[in-house]
PDB file of N, CA and C in Angstrom:
ATOM      1  N   UNK A   1     -45.770 -25.882  10.665  1.00  0.00           N
ATOM      2  CA  UNK A   1     -46.024 -24.677   9.892  1.00  0.00           C
ATOM      3  C   UNK A   1     -45.315 -24.813   8.536  1.00  0.00           C
ATOM      4  N   UNK A   2     -46.024 -24.531   7.474  1.00  0.00           N
ATOM      5  CA  UNK A   2     -45.435 -24.660   6.148  1.00  0.00           C
ATOM      6  C   UNK A   2     -44.777 -23.356   5.720  1.00  0.00           C
ATOM      7  N   UNK A   3     -43.755 -23.491   4.888  1.00  0.00           N
ATOM      8  CA  UNK A   3     -43.036 -22.316   4.387  1.00  0.00           C
ATOM      9  C   UNK A   3     -43.784 -21.693   3.223  1.00  0.00           C
ATOM     10  N   UNK A   4     -43.648 -20.404   3.073  1.00  0.00           N
ATOM     11  CA  UNK A   4     -44.246 -19.689   1.950  1.00  0.00           C
ATOM     12  C   UNK A   4     -43.360 -19.918   0.728  1.00  0.00           C
ATOM     13  N   UNK A   5     -43.935 -20.367  -0.378  1.00  0.00           N
ATOM     14  CA  UNK A   5     -43.111 -20.615  -1.561  1.00  0.00           C
ATOM     15  C   UNK A   5     -42.564 -19.312  -2.152  1.00  0.00           C
ATOM     16  N   UNK A   6     -41.301 -19.340  -2.552  1.00  0.00           N
ATOM     17  CA  UNK A   6     -40.655 -18.182  -3.172  1.00  0.00           C
ATOM     18  C   UNK A   6     -40.907 -18.258  -4.672  1.00  0.00           C
ATOM     19  N   UNK A   7     -41.420 -17.171  -5.269  1.00  0.00           N
ATOM     20  CA  UNK A   7     -41.662 -17.210  -6.719  1.00  0.00           C
ATOM     21  C   UNK A   7     -40.345 -17.281  -7.483  1.00  0.00           C
ATOM     22  N   UNK A   8     -40.369 -17.970  -8.613  1.00  0.00           N
ATOM     23  CA  UNK A   8     -39.168 -18.061  -9.440  1.00  0.00           C
ATOM     24  C   UNK A   8     -38.963 -16.800 -10.260  1.00  0.00           C
ATOM     25  N   UNK A   9     -40.068 -16.212 -10.696  1.00  0.00           N
ATOM     26  CA  UNK A   9     -40.005 -14.982 -11.474  1.00  0.00           C
ATOM     27  C   UNK A   9     -41.116 -14.046 -11.001  1.00  0.00           C
ATOM     28  N   UNK A  10     -40.824 -12.758 -11.070  1.00  0.00           N
ATOM     29  CA  UNK A  10     -41.812 -11.740 -10.726  1.00  0.00           C
ATOM     30  C   UNK A  10     -41.816 -10.682 -11.815  1.00  0.00           C
ATOM     31  N   UNK A  11     -42.908  -9.951 -11.896  1.00  0.00           N
ATOM     32  CA  UNK A  11     -42.970  -8.837 -12.839  1.00  0.00           C
ATOM     33  C   UNK A  11     -42.271  -7.631 -12.225  1.00  0.00           C
ATOM     34  N   UNK A  12     -41.423  -6.981 -12.988  1.00  0.00           N
ATOM     35  CA  UNK A  12     -40.747  -5.770 -12.550  1.00  0.00           C
ATOM     36  C   UNK A  12     -41.818  -4.700 -12.308  1.00  0.00           C
ATOM     37  N   UNK A  13     -41.806  -4.015 -11.153  1.00  0.00           N
ATOM     38  CA  UNK A  13     -42.819  -3.000 -10.899  1.00  0.00           C
ATOM     39  C   UNK A  13     -42.740  -1.809 -11.846  1.00  0.00           C
ATOM     40  N   UNK A  14     -41.618  -1.635 -12.500  1.00  0.00           N
ATOM     41  CA  UNK A  14     -41.441  -0.488 -13.390  1.00  0.00           C
ATOM     42  C   UNK A  14     -41.851  -0.805 -14.824  1.00  0.00           C
ATOM     43  N   UNK A  15     -41.261  -1.860 -15.420  1.00  0.00           N
ATOM     44  CA  UNK A  15     -41.504  -2.144 -16.847  1.00  0.00           C
ATOM     45  C   UNK A  15     -42.382  -3.369 -17.085  1.00  0.00           C
ATOM     46  N   UNK A  16     -42.724  -4.092 -16.008  1.00  0.00           N
ATOM     47  CA  UNK A  16     -43.584  -5.281 -16.043  1.00  0.00           C
ATOM     48  C   UNK A  16     -42.927  -6.478 -16.729  1.00  0.00           C
ATOM     49  N   UNK A  17     -41.651  -6.426 -17.034  1.00  0.00           N
ATOM     50  CA  UNK A  17     -40.932  -7.548 -17.633  1.00  0.00           C
ATOM     51  C   UNK A  17     -40.696  -8.604 -16.560  1.00  0.00           C
ATOM     52  N   UNK A  18     -40.771  -9.887 -16.928  1.00  0.00           N
ATOM     53  CA  UNK A  18     -40.485 -10.943 -15.978  1.00  0.00           C
ATOM     54  C   UNK A  18     -39.003 -10.926 -15.626  1.00  0.00           C
ATOM     55  N   UNK A  19     -38.709 -11.051 -14.343  1.00  0.00           N
ATOM     56  CA  UNK A  19     -37.314 -11.086 -13.905  1.00  0.00           C
ATOM     57  C   UNK A  19     -37.164 -12.144 -12.820  1.00  0.00           C
ATOM     58  N   UNK A  20     -35.985 -12.760 -12.723  1.00  0.00           N
ATOM     59  CA  UNK A  20     -35.794 -13.806 -11.717  1.00  0.00           C
ATOM     60  C   UNK A  20     -35.788 -13.218 -10.312  1.00  0.00           C
ATOM     61  N   UNK A  21     -36.338 -13.964  -9.351  1.00  0.00           N
ATOM     62  CA  UNK A  21     -36.352 -13.503  -7.965  1.00  0.00           C
ATOM     63  C   UNK A  21     -35.038 -13.862  -7.279  1.00  0.00           C
ATOM     64  N   UNK A  22     -34.614 -15.091  -7.397  1.00  0.00           N
ATOM     65  CA  UNK A  22     -33.383 -15.508  -6.734  1.00  0.00           C
ATOM     66  C   UNK A  22     -32.179 -15.123  -7.589  1.00  0.00           C
ATOM     67  N   UNK A  23     -31.146 -14.632  -6.934  1.00  0.00           N
ATOM     68  CA  UNK A  23     -29.919 -14.258  -7.628  1.00  0.00           C
ATOM     69  C   UNK A  23     -29.991 -12.913  -8.333  1.00  0.00           C
ATOM     70  N   UNK A  24     -31.068 -12.177  -8.159  1.00  0.00           N
ATOM     71  CA  UNK A  24     -31.225 -10.877  -8.820  1.00  0.00           C
ATOM     72  C   UNK A  24     -30.893  -9.770  -7.812  1.00  0.00           C
ATOM     73  N   UNK A  25     -29.771  -9.074  -7.989  1.00  0.00           N
ATOM     74  CA  UNK A  25     -29.399  -8.035  -7.012  1.00  0.00           C
ATOM     75  C   UNK A  25     -30.296  -6.807  -7.056  1.00  0.00           C
ATOM     76  N   UNK A  26     -31.133  -6.669  -8.082  1.00  0.00           N
ATOM     77  CA  UNK A  26     -31.993  -5.491  -8.231  1.00  0.00           C
ATOM     78  C   UNK A  26     -33.446  -5.773  -7.881  1.00  0.00           C
ATOM     79  N   UNK A  27     -33.724  -6.974  -7.367  1.00  0.00           N
ATOM     80  CA  UNK A  27     -35.120  -7.322  -7.132  1.00  0.00           C
ATOM     81  C   UNK A  27     -35.794  -6.357  -6.189  1.00  0.00           C
ATOM     82  N   UNK A  28     -37.019  -6.034  -6.388  1.00  0.00           N
ATOM     83  CA  UNK A  28     -37.972  -6.659  -7.294  1.00  0.00           C
ATOM     84  C   UNK A  28     -37.886  -6.137  -8.723  1.00  0.00           C
ATOM     85  N   UNK A  29     -36.934  -5.256  -9.006  1.00  0.00           N
ATOM     86  CA  UNK A  29     -36.788  -4.709 -10.356  1.00  0.00           C
ATOM     87  C   UNK A  29     -35.986  -5.664 -11.222  1.00  0.00           C
ATOM     88  N   UNK A  30     -36.098  -5.507 -12.528  1.00  0.00           N
ATOM     89  CA  UNK A  30     -35.390  -6.403 -13.439  1.00  0.00           C
ATOM     90  C   UNK A  30     -33.955  -5.953 -13.682  1.00  0.00           C
ATOM     91  N   UNK A  31     -33.674  -4.675 -13.470  1.00  0.00           N
ATOM     92  CA  UNK A  31     -32.345  -4.162 -13.769  1.00  0.00           C
ATOM     93  C   UNK A  31     -32.048  -2.918 -12.930  1.00  0.00           C
ATOM     94  N   UNK A  32     -30.791  -2.510 -12.971  1.00  0.00           N
ATOM     95  CA  UNK A  32     -30.410  -1.288 -12.266  1.00  0.00           C
ATOM     96  C   UNK A  32     -31.119  -0.082 -12.871  1.00  0.00           C
ATOM     97  N   UNK A  33     -31.332  -0.091 -14.177  1.00  0.00           N
ATOM     98  CA  UNK A  33     -32.008   1.016 -14.849  1.00  0.00           C
ATOM     99  C   UNK A  33     -33.413   1.224 -14.280  1.00  0.00           C
ATOM    100  N   UNK A  34     -34.196   0.150 -14.180  1.00  0.00           N
ATOM    101  CA  UNK A  34     -35.555   0.272 -13.630  1.00  0.00           C
ATOM    102  C   UNK A  34     -35.512   0.706 -12.174  1.00  0.00           C
ATOM    103  N   UNK A  35     -34.546   0.205 -11.410  1.00  0.00           N
ATOM    104  CA  UNK A  35     -34.422   0.594 -10.007  1.00  0.00           C
ATOM    105  C   UNK A  35     -34.141   2.084  -9.881  1.00  0.00           C
ATOM    106  N   UNK A  36     -33.240   2.612 -10.718  1.00  0.00           N
ATOM    107  CA  UNK A  36     -32.896   4.032 -10.661  1.00  0.00           C
ATOM    108  C   UNK A  36     -34.036   4.927 -11.162  1.00  0.00           C
ATOM    109  N   UNK A  37     -34.770   4.475 -12.170  1.00  0.00           N
ATOM    110  CA  UNK A  37     -35.929   5.235 -12.648  1.00  0.00           C
ATOM    111  C   UNK A  37     -36.959   5.350 -11.535  1.00  0.00           C
ATOM    112  N   UNK A  38     -37.201   4.252 -10.814  1.00  0.00           N
ATOM    113  CA  UNK A  38     -38.158   4.275  -9.719  1.00  0.00           C
ATOM    114  C   UNK A  38     -37.663   5.158  -8.575  1.00  0.00           C
ATOM    115  N   UNK A  39     -36.381   5.102  -8.261  1.00  0.00           N
ATOM    116  CA  UNK A  39     -35.815   5.961  -7.221  1.00  0.00           C
ATOM    117  C   UNK A  39     -35.962   7.433  -7.604  1.00  0.00           C
ATOM    118  N   UNK A  40     -35.731   7.758  -8.872  1.00  0.00           N
ATOM    119  CA  UNK A  40     -35.905   9.128  -9.345  1.00  0.00           C
ATOM    120  C   UNK A  40     -37.345   9.601  -9.229  1.00  0.00           C
ATOM    121  N   UNK A  41     -38.284   8.695  -9.478  1.00  0.00           N
ATOM    122  CA  UNK A  41     -39.701   9.052  -9.340  1.00  0.00           C
ATOM    123  C   UNK A  41     -40.032   9.373  -7.888  1.00  0.00           C
ATOM    124  N   UNK A  42     -39.466   8.624  -6.939  1.00  0.00           N
ATOM    125  CA  UNK A  42     -39.680   8.937  -5.522  1.00  0.00           C
ATOM    126  C   UNK A  42     -39.061  10.279  -5.183  1.00  0.00           C
ATOM    127  N   UNK A  43     -37.844  10.537  -5.686  1.00  0.00           N
ATOM    128  CA  UNK A  43     -37.158  11.793  -5.388  1.00  0.00           C
ATOM    129  C   UNK A  43     -37.917  12.993  -5.958  1.00  0.00           C
ATOM    130  N   UNK A  44     -38.557  12.815  -7.092  1.00  0.00           N
ATOM    131  CA  UNK A  44     -39.344  13.891  -7.705  1.00  0.00           C
ATOM    132  C   UNK A  44     -40.746  13.997  -7.119  1.00  0.00           C
ATOM    133  N   UNK A  45     -41.043  13.157  -6.143  1.00  0.00           N
ATOM    134  CA  UNK A  45     -42.364  13.104  -5.507  1.00  0.00           C
ATOM    135  C   UNK A  45     -43.480  12.809  -6.508  1.00  0.00           C
ATOM    136  N   UNK A  46     -43.168  11.938  -7.479  1.00  0.00           N
ATOM    137  CA  UNK A  46     -44.182  11.509  -8.437  1.00  0.00           C
ATOM    138  C   UNK A  46     -45.201  10.572  -7.798  1.00  0.00           C
ATOM    139  N   UNK A  47     -44.819   9.895  -6.735  1.00  0.00           N
ATOM    140  CA  UNK A  47     -45.719   9.008  -6.014  1.00  0.00           C
ATOM    141  C   UNK A  47     -46.316   9.783  -4.855  1.00  0.00           C
ATOM    142  N   UNK A  48     -47.606   9.730  -4.728  1.00  0.00           N
ATOM    143  CA  UNK A  48     -48.270  10.440  -3.633  1.00  0.00           C
ATOM    144  C   UNK A  48     -49.569   9.729  -3.293  1.00  0.00           C
ATOM    145  N   UNK A  49     -49.943   9.840  -2.062  1.00  0.00           N
ATOM    146  CA  UNK A  49     -51.228   9.316  -1.618  1.00  0.00           C
ATOM    147  C   UNK A  49     -52.220  10.466  -1.572  1.00  0.00           C
ATOM    148  N   UNK A  50     -53.445  10.250  -2.014  1.00  0.00           N
ATOM    149  CA  UNK A  50     -54.431  11.321  -1.942  1.00  0.00           C
ATOM    150  C   UNK A  50     -54.739  11.644  -0.482  1.00  0.00           C
ATOM    151  N   UNK A  51     -54.843  12.908  -0.202  1.00  0.00           N
ATOM    152  CA  UNK A  51     -55.143  13.341   1.167  1.00  0.00           C
ATOM    153  C   UNK A  51     -55.899  14.650   1.134  1.00  0.00           C
ATOM    154  N   UNK A  52     -56.618  14.892   2.193  1.00  0.00           N
ATOM    155  CA  UNK A  52     -57.332  16.153   2.343  1.00  0.00           C
ATOM    156  C   UNK A  52     -56.443  17.109   3.140  1.00  0.00           C
ATOM    157  N   UNK A  53     -56.438  18.384   2.815  1.00  0.00           N
ATOM    158  CA  UNK A  53     -55.640  19.331   3.599  1.00  0.00           C
ATOM    159  C   UNK A  53     -56.132  19.373   5.046  1.00  0.00           C
ATOM    160  N   UNK A  54     -55.212  19.596   5.958  1.00  0.00           N
ATOM    161  CA  UNK A  54     -55.568  19.656   7.375  1.00  0.00           C
ATOM    162  C   UNK A  54     -56.328  20.938   7.667  1.00  0.00           C
ATOM    163  N   UNK A  55     -57.272  20.842   8.561  1.00  0.00           N
ATOM    164  CA  UNK A  55     -57.990  22.023   9.011  1.00  0.00           C
ATOM    165  C   UNK A  55     -57.065  22.839   9.917  1.00  0.00           C
ATOM    166  N   UNK A  56     -57.229  24.144   9.968  1.00  0.00           N
ATOM    167  CA  UNK A  56     -56.344  24.957  10.811  1.00  0.00           C
ATOM    168  C   UNK A  56     -56.296  24.485  12.262  1.00  0.00           C
ATOM    169  N   UNK A  57     -57.388  23.973  12.793  1.00  0.00           N
ATOM    170  CA  UNK A  57     -57.391  23.510  14.178  1.00  0.00           C
ATOM    171  C   UNK A  57     -56.611  22.203  14.351  1.00  0.00           C
ATOM    172  N   UNK A  58     -56.369  21.480  13.247  1.00  0.00           N
ATOM    173  CA  UNK A  58     -55.652  20.204  13.311  1.00  0.00           C
ATOM    174  C   UNK A  58     -54.152  20.366  13.098  1.00  0.00           C
ATOM    175  N   UNK A  59     -53.690  21.518  12.704  1.00  0.00           N
ATOM    176  CA  UNK A  59     -52.268  21.718  12.439  1.00  0.00           C
ATOM    177  C   UNK A  59     -51.497  21.761  13.750  1.00  0.00           C
ATOM    178  N   UNK A  60     -50.283  21.248  13.703  1.00  0.00           N
ATOM    179  CA  UNK A  60     -49.447  21.181  14.893  1.00  0.00           C
ATOM    180  C   UNK A  60     -48.643  22.467  15.021  1.00  0.00           C
ATOM    181  N   UNK A  61     -48.915  23.250  16.052  1.00  0.00           N
ATOM    182  CA  UNK A  61     -48.223  24.519  16.253  1.00  0.00           C
ATOM    183  C   UNK A  61     -46.833  24.336  16.857  1.00  0.00           C
ATOM    184  N   UNK A  62     -46.513  23.157  17.337  1.00  0.00           N
ATOM    185  CA  UNK A  62     -45.206  22.945  17.980  1.00  0.00           C
ATOM    186  C   UNK A  62     -44.077  22.978  16.973  1.00  0.00           C
ATOM    187  N   UNK A  63     -44.362  22.769  15.703  1.00  0.00           N
ATOM    188  CA  UNK A  63     -43.313  22.790  14.692  1.00  0.00           C
ATOM    189  C   UNK A  63     -42.748  24.202  14.509  1.00  0.00           C
ATOM    190  N   UNK A  64     -43.531  25.232  14.781  1.00  0.00           N
ATOM    191  CA  UNK A  64     -43.087  26.605  14.615  1.00  0.00           C
ATOM    192  C   UNK A  64     -42.136  27.058  15.732  1.00  0.00           C
ATOM    193  N   UNK A  65     -42.090  26.319  16.825  1.00  0.00           N
ATOM    194  CA  UNK A  65     -41.286  26.708  17.963  1.00  0.00           C
ATOM    195  C   UNK A  65     -39.820  26.328  17.819  1.00  0.00           C
ATOM    196  N   UNK A  66     -39.454  25.602  16.788  1.00  0.00           N
ATOM    197  CA  UNK A  66     -38.067  25.138  16.625  1.00  0.00           C
ATOM    198  C   UNK A  66     -37.166  26.243  16.245  1.00  0.00           C
TER     199      UNK A  66
END
């Protein structure tokens, strides 16, 4: 079985700048700044998947019993 090659550089998911993969403590981000900006976006719920609202018959009534 062959090993999967590790890329030497990857694009930062936030700013798209090339950053080293090995030895980078912030990977896949290029810096702590990009990592924190992305974390803030998750905390603000800026990332979301499209979904349809649940029908009343599909809602779970057990959550109200807590």
